[in-house]
C-alpha atoms as a PDB file:
ATOM      1  CA  MET A   1     -81.625   4.538  18.752  1.00  0.00           C
ATOM      2  CA  SER A   2     -83.457   1.738  20.379  1.00  0.00           C
ATOM      3  CA  GLU A   3     -83.303  -0.866  16.521  1.00  0.00           C
ATOM      4  CA  ALA A   4     -80.441  -1.617  14.699  1.00  0.00           C
ATOM      5  CA  LEU A   5     -79.985  -0.476  11.543  1.00  0.00           C
ATOM      6  CA  ILE A   6     -79.799  -3.524   9.461  1.00  0.00           C
ATOM      7  CA  GLY A   7     -80.013  -5.334   5.638  1.00  0.00           C
ATOM      8  CA  THR A   8     -79.242  -4.695   2.604  1.00  0.00           C
ATOM      9  CA  TYR A   9     -81.643  -2.916  -0.137  1.00  0.00           C
ATOM     10  CA  TYR A  10     -80.815  -2.070  -3.767  1.00  0.00           C
ATOM     11  CA  HIS A  11     -82.295   0.572  -5.426  1.00  0.00           C
ATOM     12  CA  ASN A  12     -82.096   3.338  -8.021  1.00  0.00           C
ATOM     13  CA  ILE A  13     -81.244   7.060  -8.066  1.00  0.00           C
ATOM     14  CA  ASP A  14     -83.115   8.942 -11.514  1.00  0.00           C
ATOM     15  CA  VAL A  15     -81.655  11.610 -13.208  1.00  0.00           C
ATOM     16  CA  LYS A  16     -82.492  14.496 -10.631  1.00  0.00           C
ATOM     17  CA  GLY A  17     -80.618  12.554  -7.913  1.00  0.00           C
ATOM     18  CA  ARG A  18     -83.386  11.174  -5.966  1.00  0.00           C
ATOM     19  CA  MET A  19     -83.457   7.286  -4.573  1.00  0.00           C
ATOM     20  CA  ASN A  20     -86.334   5.586  -2.729  1.00  0.00           C
ATOM     21  CA  PHE A  21     -84.700   5.424   0.188  1.00  0.00           C
ATOM     22  CA  PRO A  22     -85.659   1.785   2.325  1.00  0.00           C
ATOM     23  CA  THR A  23     -89.095   2.137   4.177  1.00  0.00           C
ATOM     24  CA  LYS A  24     -87.650  -0.004   7.295  1.00  0.00           C
ATOM     25  CA  LEU A  25     -84.391   1.928   7.487  1.00  0.00           C
ATOM     26  CA  ARG A  26     -86.778   5.317   7.240  1.00  0.00           C
ATOM     27  CA  GLU A  27     -88.888   4.224  10.433  1.00  0.00           C
ATOM     28  CA  ILE A  28     -86.008   4.113  12.843  1.00  0.00           C
ATOM     29  CA  LEU A  29     -84.228   6.795  11.428  1.00  0.00           C
ATOM     30  CA  GLY A  30     -87.020   9.560  11.703  1.00  0.00           C
ATOM     31  CA  GLU A  31     -89.005  12.006   9.661  1.00  0.00           C
ATOM     32  CA  SER A  32     -85.148  13.882   8.668  1.00  0.00           C
ATOM     33  CA  PHE A  33     -81.783  12.494   9.096  1.00  0.00           C
ATOM     34  CA  PHE A  34     -78.395  13.809   7.644  1.00  0.00           C
ATOM     35  CA  ILE A  35     -76.118  12.403   4.835  1.00  0.00           C
ATOM     36  CA  THR A  36     -72.489  12.732   4.531  1.00  0.00           C
ATOM     37  CA  LYS A  37     -69.297  11.075   2.703  1.00  0.00           C
ATOM     38  CA  GLY A  38     -67.701   7.856   4.511  1.00  0.00           C
ATOM     39  CA  LEU A  39     -64.691   6.437   4.388  1.00  0.00           C
ATOM     40  CA  ASP A  40     -63.936   4.228   1.193  1.00  0.00           C
ATOM     41  CA  ASN A  41     -66.009   6.245  -1.256  1.00  0.00           C
ATOM     42  CA  CYS A  42     -69.469   5.439  -0.049  1.00  0.00           C
ATOM     43  CA  LEU A  43     -71.975   8.082   1.856  1.00  0.00           C
ATOM     44  CA  VAL A  44     -72.689   7.371   5.060  1.00  0.00           C
ATOM     45  CA  VAL A  45     -76.792   8.451   6.624  1.00  0.00           C
ATOM     46  CA  TYR A  46     -76.679   8.822  10.625  1.00  0.00           C
ATOM     47  CA  SER A  47     -80.243   9.772  12.547  1.00  0.00           C
ATOM     48  CA  ASP A  48     -80.562  13.001  14.354  1.00  0.00           C
ATOM     49  CA  THR A  49     -79.689  12.075  17.730  1.00  0.00           C
ATOM     50  CA  GLU A  50     -76.844  10.028  16.169  1.00  0.00           C
ATOM     51  CA  TRP A  51     -75.501  13.185  13.684  1.00  0.00           C
ATOM     52  CA  HIS A  52     -75.458  15.464  17.297  1.00  0.00           C
ATOM     53  CA  ILE A  53     -73.392  12.457  18.919  1.00  0.00           C
ATOM     54  CA  LEU A  54     -71.168  12.682  15.954  1.00  0.00           C
ATOM     55  CA  MET A  55     -70.951  16.493  15.822  1.00  0.00           C
ATOM     56  CA  GLU A  56     -70.126  16.200  19.699  1.00  0.00           C
ATOM     57  CA  LYS A  57     -67.083  14.030  19.273  1.00  0.00           C
ATOM     58  CA  VAL A  58     -65.738  15.962  16.547  1.00  0.00           C
ATOM     59  CA  SER A  59     -66.178  19.131  18.467  1.00  0.00           C
ATOM     60  CA  ALA A  60     -64.371  18.091  21.169  1.00  0.00           C
ATOM     61  CA  LEU A  61     -61.177  17.087  19.358  1.00  0.00           C
ATOM     62  CA  PRO A  62     -58.856  19.733  19.444  1.00  0.00           C
ATOM     63  CA  MET A  63     -58.189  21.982  16.350  1.00  0.00           C
ATOM     64  CA  SER A  64     -55.089  20.501  15.461  1.00  0.00           C
ATOM     65  CA  LYS A  65     -56.935  17.193  15.095  1.00  0.00           C
ATOM     66  CA  GLY A  66     -60.261  18.223  14.000  1.00  0.00           C
ATOM     67  CA  ARG A  67     -60.352  20.593  11.261  1.00  0.00           C
ATOM     68  CA  ASN A  68     -59.548  18.228   8.542  1.00  0.00           C
ATOM     69  CA  ILE A  69     -62.454  15.757   9.875  1.00  0.00           C
ATOM     70  CA  SER A  70     -64.806  18.512  10.187  1.00  0.00           C
ATOM     71  CA  ARG A  71     -63.950  19.402   7.031  1.00  0.00           C
ATOM     72  CA  PHE A  72     -64.669  16.228   5.376  1.00  0.00           C
ATOM     73  CA  LEU A  73     -67.753  15.223   7.356  1.00  0.00           C
ATOM     74  CA  PHE A  74     -69.679  18.463   7.496  1.00  0.00           C
ATOM     75  CA  SER A  75     -68.538  20.252   4.111  1.00  0.00           C
ATOM     76  CA  GLY A  76     -70.412  17.990   1.875  1.00  0.00           C
ATOM     77  CA  ALA A  77     -73.287  17.020   4.479  1.00  0.00           C
ATOM     78  CA  ALA A  78     -77.027  17.252   3.926  1.00  0.00           C
ATOM     79  CA  GLU A  79     -80.234  16.978   6.244  1.00  0.00           C
ATOM     80  CA  VAL A  80     -82.623  15.284   4.256  1.00  0.00           C
ATOM     81  CA  ILE A  81     -86.545  14.695   4.400  1.00  0.00           C
ATOM     82  CA  PRO A  82     -88.125  11.889   2.651  1.00  0.00           C
ATOM     83  CA  ASP A  83     -91.168  13.109   0.290  1.00  0.00           C
ATOM     84  CA  LYS A  84     -94.624  11.795   0.468  1.00  0.00           C
ATOM     85  CA  GLN A  85     -92.910   8.308  -1.748  1.00  0.00           C
ATOM     86  CA  GLY A  86     -90.312   8.212   0.549  1.00  0.00           C
ATOM     87  CA  ARG A  87     -87.755   9.665  -1.953  1.00  0.00           C
ATOM     88  CA  VAL A  88     -84.775  11.468  -0.807  1.00  0.00           C
ATOM     89  CA  LEU A  89     -82.262  13.999  -2.862  1.00  0.00           C
ATOM     90  CA  ILE A  90     -78.577  13.210  -2.860  1.00  0.00           C
ATOM     91  CA  PRO A  91     -76.901  16.218  -3.656  1.00  0.00           C
ATOM     92  CA  HIS A  92     -74.906  16.501  -6.453  1.00  0.00           C
ATOM     93  CA  VAL A  93     -71.081  16.944  -4.250  1.00  0.00           C
ATOM     94  CA  LEU A  94     -72.338  13.523  -2.408  1.00  0.00           C
ATOM     95  CA  ARG A  95     -73.100  11.572  -5.749  1.00  0.00           C
ATOM     96  CA  GLU A  96     -70.010  12.321  -7.570  1.00  0.00           C
ATOM     97  CA  TYR A  97     -67.959  11.536  -4.285  1.00  0.00           C
ATOM     98  CA  ALA A  98     -69.385   8.391  -3.989  1.00  0.00           C
ATOM     99  CA  SER A  99     -69.715   7.773  -7.586  1.00  0.00           C
ATOM    100  CA  LEU A 100     -73.422   6.792  -7.513  1.00  0.00           C
ATOM    101  CA  ASP A 101     -75.045   7.035 -11.055  1.00  0.00           C
ATOM    102  CA  LYS A 102     -77.485   4.662 -11.112  1.00  0.00           C
ATOM    103  CA  ASP A 103     -77.553   1.424  -8.842  1.00  0.00           C
ATOM    104  CA  VAL A 104     -77.396   1.801  -5.350  1.00  0.00           C
ATOM    105  CA  ALA A 105     -76.991  -0.842  -2.314  1.00  0.00           C
ATOM    106  CA  VAL A 106     -78.696   1.124   0.769  1.00  0.00           C
ATOM    107  CA  ILE A 107     -76.989  -1.443   3.901  1.00  0.00           C
ATOM    108  CA  GLY A 108     -78.164  -1.214   7.445  1.00  0.00           C
ATOM    109  CA  ALA A 109     -74.321  -0.888   9.719  1.00  0.00           C
ATOM    110  CA  LEU A 110     -75.781  -0.597  13.057  1.00  0.00           C
ATOM    111  CA  ASN A 111     -75.906   3.086  14.437  1.00  0.00           C
ATOM    112  CA  ARG A 112     -75.963   4.084  10.504  1.00  0.00           C
ATOM    113  CA  VAL A 113     -76.898   3.461   7.140  1.00  0.00           C
ATOM    114  CA  GLU A 114     -74.342   3.306   4.234  1.00  0.00           C
ATOM    115  CA  ILE A 115     -75.276   4.279   0.301  1.00  0.00           C
ATOM    116  CA  TRP A 116     -72.622   2.699  -2.372  1.00  0.00           C
ATOM    117  CA  ASP A 117     -72.929   2.515  -5.477  1.00  0.00           C
ATOM    118  CA  ARG A 118     -73.984  -1.255  -6.061  1.00  0.00           C
ATOM    119  CA  THR A 119     -70.910  -2.289  -8.452  1.00  0.00           C
ATOM    120  CA  ARG A 120     -68.210  -0.853  -5.941  1.00  0.00           C
ATOM    121  CA  TRP A 121     -70.555  -2.668  -2.945  1.00  0.00           C
ATOM    122  CA  ASP A 122     -70.921  -6.067  -4.464  1.00  0.00           C
ATOM    123  CA  GLU A 123     -66.906  -5.882  -5.177  1.00  0.00           C
ATOM    124  CA  GLN A 124     -66.241  -4.712  -1.157  1.00  0.00           C
ATOM    125  CA  SER A 125     -68.718  -7.140   0.424  1.00  0.00           C
ATOM    126  CA  GLN A 126     -66.978 -10.064  -1.722  1.00  0.00           C
ATOM    127  CA  ALA A 127     -63.414  -8.766  -0.679  1.00  0.00           C
ATOM    128  CA  PHE A 128     -63.978  -9.649   3.110  1.00  0.00           C
ATOM    129  CA  VAL A 129     -61.537 -11.634   3.909  1.00  0.00           C
ATOM    130  CA  GLN A 130     -62.856 -14.642   6.373  1.00  0.00           C
ATOM    131  CA  GLU A 131     -59.493 -15.103   8.153  1.00  0.00           C
ATOM    132  CA  SER A 132     -59.591 -10.929   9.333  1.00  0.00           C
ATOM    133  CA  MET A 133     -63.411 -11.585  10.314  1.00  0.00           C
ATOM    134  CA  GLU A 134     -62.377 -14.392  12.362  1.00  0.00           C
ATOM    135  CA  SER A 135     -59.846 -12.820  14.475  1.00  0.00           C
ATOM    136  CA  VAL A 136     -62.449  -9.706  14.957  1.00  0.00           C
ATOM    137  CA  MET A 137     -65.505 -12.066  15.869  1.00  0.00           C
ATOM    138  CA  GLU A 138     -63.254 -14.218  18.534  1.00  0.00           C
ATOM    139  CA  GLU A 139     -62.251 -10.416  19.889  1.00  0.00           C
ATOM    140  CA  LEU A 140     -65.913  -9.727  20.377  1.00  0.00           C
ATOM    141  CA  GLY A 141     -66.284 -13.508  21.987  1.00  0.00           C
ATOM    142  CA  ILE A 142     -68.678 -14.619  19.130  1.00  0.00           C
END
């Protein structure tokens, strides 16, 4: 992936579980992409390329380490293809996992996109502690 996935976008999920997926992010992700469970009860979206990199990494783990992460990432995963209006259908099991009901935040996170319940995202983003960010930024030389 040559372009970074960045930005925050606010959308709604309709009663059928569909949401408009941000155009800029769709352009970078490609014609189809993969959605799965992420940490912090959000969903994670990967391009086809990033998805296959993830699959290779998980496949390389010994069964004793890889079985649970495989189950977590792949059991509810779905490949999605936006319709002509740019909407994607988020499977019920994933909406339930991330408590997505109506208002969502879609955020770019470098090589992936995260989909959050809007209220949870607002709480999460306000909880970033400056001191913890400062230590990581210092480590990165920023």
